[in-house]
Amino acid sequence: MVLAFSLLMPTLVLADTEAGGSTSGSDATGIKNPIGIDDPREVIGNIIKALLGIVGSLALGVFILGGFYWVTSAGSEEKVKKGKDMVMWASLGLAVIFASYALVTFVISAITG
């Protein structure tokens, strides 16, 4: 009974601030920002840039794989066509990724100043 009452009873918890009571370099709770960026627009821009970098790496991998299929086709027309198509679509994908990266960089720099 006492255990149940103590678990259900609200408890007041006070957190200490940094030494001397100063909260400079942190928010009102006294917690420092681990990523060092206060603007959510910059955080979103960095996430988009990271995702575009990952997608660009995948497109480059498809480009290399298409070239490998093309080179190792041994004269098979369907393997040559498959390799050429992979290289063509990966090249188009890389162009789209580079353009979107440039657009995101421009927009984020224009928004954040």
N, C-alpha and C. Protein backbone atom coordinates (compact mmCIF):
# COMPACT_ATOMS: atom_id res chain seq x y z
N MET A 1 0.82 -1.19 0.00
CA MET A 1 0.00 0.00 0.00
C MET A 1 0.86 1.26 0.00
N VAL A 2 1.90 1.27 0.84
CA VAL A 2 2.78 2.42 0.91
C VAL A 2 3.55 2.56 -0.41
N LEU A 3 3.96 1.44 -1.00
CA LEU A 3 4.69 1.46 -2.26
C LEU A 3 3.80 2.04 -3.36
N ALA A 4 2.56 1.60 -3.46
CA ALA A 4 1.64 2.12 -4.47
C ALA A 4 1.40 3.60 -4.27
N PHE A 5 1.22 4.04 -3.04
CA PHE A 5 0.99 5.46 -2.74
C PHE A 5 2.20 6.29 -3.12
N SER A 6 3.42 5.80 -2.86
CA SER A 6 4.62 6.57 -3.17
C SER A 6 4.86 6.65 -4.67
N LEU A 7 4.43 5.64 -5.43
CA LEU A 7 4.59 5.69 -6.87
C LEU A 7 3.58 6.63 -7.52
N LEU A 8 2.41 6.74 -6.94
CA LEU A 8 1.38 7.58 -7.52
C LEU A 8 1.45 9.03 -7.05
N MET A 9 2.17 9.27 -5.98
CA MET A 9 2.26 10.62 -5.43
C MET A 9 3.20 11.48 -6.29
N PRO A 10 2.77 12.65 -6.73
CA PRO A 10 3.65 13.50 -7.54
C PRO A 10 4.85 13.97 -6.72
N THR A 11 5.99 13.99 -7.38
CA THR A 11 7.23 14.38 -6.72
C THR A 11 7.80 15.59 -7.43
N LEU A 12 8.26 16.56 -6.67
CA LEU A 12 8.86 17.76 -7.21
C LEU A 12 10.36 17.55 -7.33
N VAL A 13 10.90 17.76 -8.52
CA VAL A 13 12.32 17.58 -8.75
C VAL A 13 12.89 18.90 -9.25
N LEU A 14 13.94 19.36 -8.60
CA LEU A 14 14.61 20.59 -9.01
C LEU A 14 15.99 20.23 -9.52
N ALA A 15 16.33 20.73 -10.71
CA ALA A 15 17.64 20.47 -11.28
C ALA A 15 18.56 21.65 -11.03
N ASP A 16 19.80 21.36 -10.70
CA ASP A 16 20.79 22.41 -10.52
C ASP A 16 21.23 22.93 -11.87
N THR A 17 21.57 24.22 -11.92
CA THR A 17 22.15 24.78 -13.13
C THR A 17 23.66 24.59 -13.04
N GLU A 18 24.37 25.13 -14.01
CA GLU A 18 25.82 25.04 -13.99
C GLU A 18 26.37 25.76 -12.76
N ALA A 19 27.63 25.56 -12.49
CA ALA A 19 28.26 26.17 -11.31
C ALA A 19 28.07 27.68 -11.34
N GLY A 20 27.63 28.23 -10.26
CA GLY A 20 27.43 29.66 -10.16
C GLY A 20 26.05 30.10 -10.60
N GLY A 21 25.21 29.15 -11.01
CA GLY A 21 23.84 29.49 -11.39
C GLY A 21 23.72 30.10 -12.77
N SER A 22 24.78 30.14 -13.55
CA SER A 22 24.73 30.74 -14.88
C SER A 22 24.25 29.71 -15.89
N THR A 23 23.42 30.16 -16.81
CA THR A 23 22.96 29.26 -17.87
C THR A 23 23.45 29.75 -19.23
N SER A 24 24.56 30.50 -19.25
CA SER A 24 25.06 30.99 -20.54
C SER A 24 25.56 29.81 -21.36
N GLY A 25 25.26 29.83 -22.67
CA GLY A 25 25.66 28.76 -23.55
C GLY A 25 24.70 27.59 -23.53
N SER A 26 23.57 27.74 -22.87
CA SER A 26 22.59 26.68 -22.83
C SER A 26 21.20 27.29 -22.78
N ASP A 27 20.19 26.44 -22.90
CA ASP A 27 18.84 26.98 -22.85
C ASP A 27 18.37 27.11 -21.41
N ALA A 28 17.10 27.38 -21.21
CA ALA A 28 16.56 27.66 -19.87
C ALA A 28 16.65 26.45 -18.94
N THR A 29 16.75 25.24 -19.50
CA THR A 29 16.82 24.05 -18.66
C THR A 29 18.23 23.76 -18.19
N GLY A 30 19.22 24.44 -18.73
CA GLY A 30 20.61 24.20 -18.35
C GLY A 30 21.26 23.09 -19.16
N ILE A 31 20.59 22.62 -20.20
CA ILE A 31 21.12 21.54 -21.03
C ILE A 31 21.79 22.15 -22.25
N LYS A 32 23.02 21.74 -22.53
CA LYS A 32 23.73 22.25 -23.69
C LYS A 32 23.24 21.55 -24.96
N ASN A 33 23.25 22.27 -26.06
CA ASN A 33 22.85 21.73 -27.35
C ASN A 33 23.98 20.85 -27.89
N PRO A 34 23.74 19.54 -28.09
CA PRO A 34 24.82 18.66 -28.52
C PRO A 34 25.23 18.83 -29.98
N ILE A 35 24.33 19.34 -30.84
CA ILE A 35 24.69 19.47 -32.25
C ILE A 35 25.22 20.85 -32.59
N GLY A 36 25.03 21.81 -31.72
CA GLY A 36 25.60 23.14 -31.92
C GLY A 36 24.84 24.02 -32.90
N ILE A 37 23.69 23.57 -33.40
CA ILE A 37 22.89 24.35 -34.33
C ILE A 37 21.56 24.65 -33.66
N ASP A 38 21.22 25.94 -33.55
CA ASP A 38 19.98 26.32 -32.90
C ASP A 38 18.82 26.48 -33.88
N ASP A 39 19.11 26.70 -35.15
CA ASP A 39 18.08 26.97 -36.13
C ASP A 39 17.57 25.66 -36.75
N PRO A 40 16.28 25.34 -36.62
CA PRO A 40 15.76 24.10 -37.18
C PRO A 40 15.87 24.04 -38.70
N ARG A 41 15.89 25.22 -39.36
CA ARG A 41 16.03 25.22 -40.82
C ARG A 41 17.39 24.68 -41.23
N GLU A 42 18.42 25.03 -40.46
CA GLU A 42 19.75 24.50 -40.76
C GLU A 42 19.82 23.00 -40.52
N VAL A 43 19.17 22.53 -39.47
CA VAL A 43 19.15 21.10 -39.17
C VAL A 43 18.48 20.34 -40.31
N ILE A 44 17.32 20.85 -40.76
CA ILE A 44 16.61 20.20 -41.87
C ILE A 44 17.44 20.24 -43.14
N GLY A 45 18.09 21.36 -43.41
CA GLY A 45 18.97 21.46 -44.58
C GLY A 45 20.12 20.48 -44.51
N ASN A 46 20.72 20.31 -43.34
CA ASN A 46 21.81 19.35 -43.19
C ASN A 46 21.32 17.91 -43.38
N ILE A 47 20.11 17.61 -42.91
CA ILE A 47 19.56 16.27 -43.10
C ILE A 47 19.31 16.01 -44.59
N ILE A 48 18.75 17.01 -45.28
CA ILE A 48 18.50 16.85 -46.72
C ILE A 48 19.81 16.67 -47.47
N LYS A 49 20.84 17.45 -47.12
CA LYS A 49 22.14 17.31 -47.77
C LYS A 49 22.73 15.93 -47.53
N ALA A 50 22.59 15.41 -46.30
CA ALA A 50 23.11 14.08 -46.00
C ALA A 50 22.38 13.01 -46.79
N LEU A 51 21.05 13.13 -46.89
CA LEU A 51 20.28 12.16 -47.67
C LEU A 51 20.64 12.22 -49.15
N LEU A 52 20.85 13.43 -49.67
CA LEU A 52 21.26 13.55 -51.07
C LEU A 52 22.65 12.94 -51.28
N GLY A 53 23.52 13.07 -50.30
CA GLY A 53 24.84 12.44 -50.40
C GLY A 53 24.75 10.92 -50.43
N ILE A 54 23.86 10.36 -49.61
CA ILE A 54 23.67 8.91 -49.60
C ILE A 54 23.08 8.43 -50.93
N VAL A 55 22.07 9.15 -51.42
CA VAL A 55 21.44 8.79 -52.70
C VAL A 55 22.46 8.94 -53.84
N GLY A 56 23.30 9.95 -53.79
CA GLY A 56 24.34 10.12 -54.80
C GLY A 56 25.32 8.97 -54.79
N SER A 57 25.67 8.49 -53.60
CA SER A 57 26.57 7.34 -53.50
C SER A 57 25.93 6.09 -54.08
N LEU A 58 24.64 5.91 -53.82
CA LEU A 58 23.93 4.76 -54.40
C LEU A 58 23.88 4.86 -55.93
N ALA A 59 23.63 6.05 -56.46
CA ALA A 59 23.60 6.23 -57.91
C ALA A 59 24.98 5.96 -58.51
N LEU A 60 26.01 6.38 -57.82
CA LEU A 60 27.36 6.10 -58.31
C LEU A 60 27.64 4.60 -58.31
N GLY A 61 27.14 3.90 -57.29
CA GLY A 61 27.28 2.45 -57.25
C GLY A 61 26.55 1.77 -58.41
N VAL A 62 25.36 2.26 -58.75
CA VAL A 62 24.61 1.71 -59.90
C VAL A 62 25.36 2.00 -61.19
N PHE A 63 25.95 3.17 -61.28
CA PHE A 63 26.75 3.54 -62.45
C PHE A 63 27.92 2.56 -62.64
N ILE A 64 28.62 2.27 -61.56
CA ILE A 64 29.75 1.34 -61.62
C ILE A 64 29.27 -0.08 -61.94
N LEU A 65 28.16 -0.50 -61.34
CA LEU A 65 27.62 -1.83 -61.60
C LEU A 65 27.18 -1.96 -63.06
N GLY A 66 26.56 -0.92 -63.60
CA GLY A 66 26.17 -0.94 -65.02
C GLY A 66 27.37 -1.05 -65.93
N GLY A 67 28.43 -0.31 -65.59
CA GLY A 67 29.66 -0.43 -66.38
C GLY A 67 30.27 -1.82 -66.28
N PHE A 68 30.19 -2.42 -65.11
CA PHE A 68 30.70 -3.78 -64.92
C PHE A 68 29.89 -4.77 -65.77
N TYR A 69 28.55 -4.63 -65.78
CA TYR A 69 27.72 -5.50 -66.61
C TYR A 69 28.05 -5.33 -68.09
N TRP A 70 28.27 -4.09 -68.48
CA TRP A 70 28.55 -3.79 -69.88
C TRP A 70 29.88 -4.41 -70.30
N VAL A 71 30.90 -4.24 -69.46
CA VAL A 71 32.24 -4.74 -69.80
C VAL A 71 32.28 -6.28 -69.78
N THR A 72 31.56 -6.89 -68.85
CA THR A 72 31.62 -8.35 -68.72
C THR A 72 30.48 -9.05 -69.46
N SER A 73 29.86 -8.39 -70.44
CA SER A 73 28.72 -8.98 -71.15
C SER A 73 29.11 -10.12 -72.07
N ALA A 74 30.35 -10.17 -72.47
CA ALA A 74 30.88 -11.22 -73.36
C ALA A 74 30.06 -11.32 -74.66
N GLY A 75 29.62 -10.19 -75.16
CA GLY A 75 28.92 -10.16 -76.44
C GLY A 75 27.44 -10.42 -76.37
N SER A 76 26.90 -10.70 -75.20
CA SER A 76 25.46 -10.94 -75.06
C SER A 76 24.72 -9.60 -75.20
N GLU A 77 23.85 -9.53 -76.20
CA GLU A 77 23.15 -8.28 -76.48
C GLU A 77 22.28 -7.81 -75.31
N GLU A 78 21.61 -8.73 -74.65
CA GLU A 78 20.74 -8.31 -73.54
C GLU A 78 21.55 -7.81 -72.35
N LYS A 79 22.74 -8.38 -72.11
CA LYS A 79 23.59 -7.88 -71.01
C LYS A 79 24.18 -6.52 -71.37
N VAL A 80 24.53 -6.33 -72.65
CA VAL A 80 25.03 -5.03 -73.09
C VAL A 80 23.95 -3.98 -72.93
N LYS A 81 22.71 -4.30 -73.34
CA LYS A 81 21.60 -3.37 -73.21
C LYS A 81 21.32 -3.06 -71.74
N LYS A 82 21.37 -4.09 -70.89
CA LYS A 82 21.14 -3.88 -69.46
C LYS A 82 22.21 -2.96 -68.87
N GLY A 83 23.47 -3.20 -69.23
CA GLY A 83 24.56 -2.35 -68.74
C GLY A 83 24.44 -0.91 -69.22
N LYS A 84 24.12 -0.74 -70.51
CA LYS A 84 23.96 0.60 -71.08
C LYS A 84 22.80 1.34 -70.41
N ASP A 85 21.69 0.63 -70.20
CA ASP A 85 20.53 1.26 -69.55
C ASP A 85 20.87 1.68 -68.12
N MET A 86 21.59 0.82 -67.41
CA MET A 86 21.96 1.17 -66.03
C MET A 86 22.86 2.40 -66.01
N VAL A 87 23.83 2.46 -66.92
CA VAL A 87 24.74 3.61 -66.98
C VAL A 87 23.97 4.87 -67.36
N MET A 88 23.05 4.76 -68.32
CA MET A 88 22.28 5.92 -68.75
C MET A 88 21.40 6.45 -67.60
N TRP A 89 20.66 5.56 -66.95
CA TRP A 89 19.76 6.00 -65.88
C TRP A 89 20.52 6.46 -64.66
N ALA A 90 21.66 5.86 -64.38
CA ALA A 90 22.47 6.33 -63.25
C ALA A 90 23.05 7.72 -63.55
N SER A 91 23.44 7.96 -64.79
CA SER A 91 23.94 9.29 -65.17
C SER A 91 22.83 10.33 -65.03
N LEU A 92 21.64 10.00 -65.49
CA LEU A 92 20.51 10.91 -65.34
C LEU A 92 20.20 11.14 -63.86
N GLY A 93 20.25 10.08 -63.06
CA GLY A 93 20.01 10.20 -61.62
C GLY A 93 21.05 11.08 -60.95
N LEU A 94 22.32 10.92 -61.32
CA LEU A 94 23.37 11.77 -60.75
C LEU A 94 23.17 13.22 -61.12
N ALA A 95 22.74 13.48 -62.36
CA ALA A 95 22.48 14.87 -62.78
C ALA A 95 21.35 15.47 -61.95
N VAL A 96 20.29 14.70 -61.72
CA VAL A 96 19.16 15.18 -60.92
C VAL A 96 19.60 15.41 -59.48
N ILE A 97 20.41 14.52 -58.94
CA ILE A 97 20.89 14.64 -57.56
C ILE A 97 21.78 15.87 -57.40
N PHE A 98 22.69 16.10 -58.35
CA PHE A 98 23.55 17.28 -58.27
C PHE A 98 22.72 18.57 -58.37
N ALA A 99 21.73 18.57 -59.26
CA ALA A 99 20.88 19.76 -59.40
C ALA A 99 20.08 20.00 -58.12
N SER A 100 19.54 18.95 -57.54
CA SER A 100 18.76 19.12 -56.31
C SER A 100 19.65 19.53 -55.15
N TYR A 101 20.88 19.03 -55.10
CA TYR A 101 21.82 19.45 -54.05
C TYR A 101 22.13 20.94 -54.17
N ALA A 102 22.36 21.38 -55.41
CA ALA A 102 22.64 22.80 -55.63
C ALA A 102 21.42 23.66 -55.26
N LEU A 103 20.23 23.19 -55.60
CA LEU A 103 19.01 23.93 -55.28
C LEU A 103 18.80 23.98 -53.76
N VAL A 104 18.98 22.86 -53.07
CA VAL A 104 18.81 22.84 -51.61
C VAL A 104 19.83 23.75 -50.94
N THR A 105 21.07 23.71 -51.40
CA THR A 105 22.12 24.56 -50.83
C THR A 105 21.77 26.03 -51.02
N PHE A 106 21.29 26.40 -52.21
CA PHE A 106 20.91 27.77 -52.50
C PHE A 106 19.74 28.21 -51.61
N VAL A 107 18.71 27.39 -51.52
CA VAL A 107 17.51 27.75 -50.75
C VAL A 107 17.84 27.86 -49.27
N ILE A 108 18.58 26.92 -48.74
CA ILE A 108 18.91 26.95 -47.30
C ILE A 108 19.80 28.16 -46.99
N SER A 109 20.75 28.47 -47.84
CA SER A 109 21.60 29.64 -47.59
C SER A 109 20.78 30.94 -47.72
N ALA A 110 19.80 30.96 -48.61
CA ALA A 110 18.95 32.15 -48.74
C ALA A 110 18.03 32.31 -47.53
N ILE A 111 17.55 31.21 -46.99
CA ILE A 111 16.64 31.28 -45.83
C ILE A 111 17.38 31.64 -44.56
N THR A 112 18.55 31.01 -44.35
CA THR A 112 19.28 31.24 -43.09
C THR A 112 20.16 32.47 -43.13
N GLY A 113 20.39 33.00 -44.30
CA GLY A 113 21.17 34.24 -44.38
C GLY A 113 22.58 33.94 -44.52
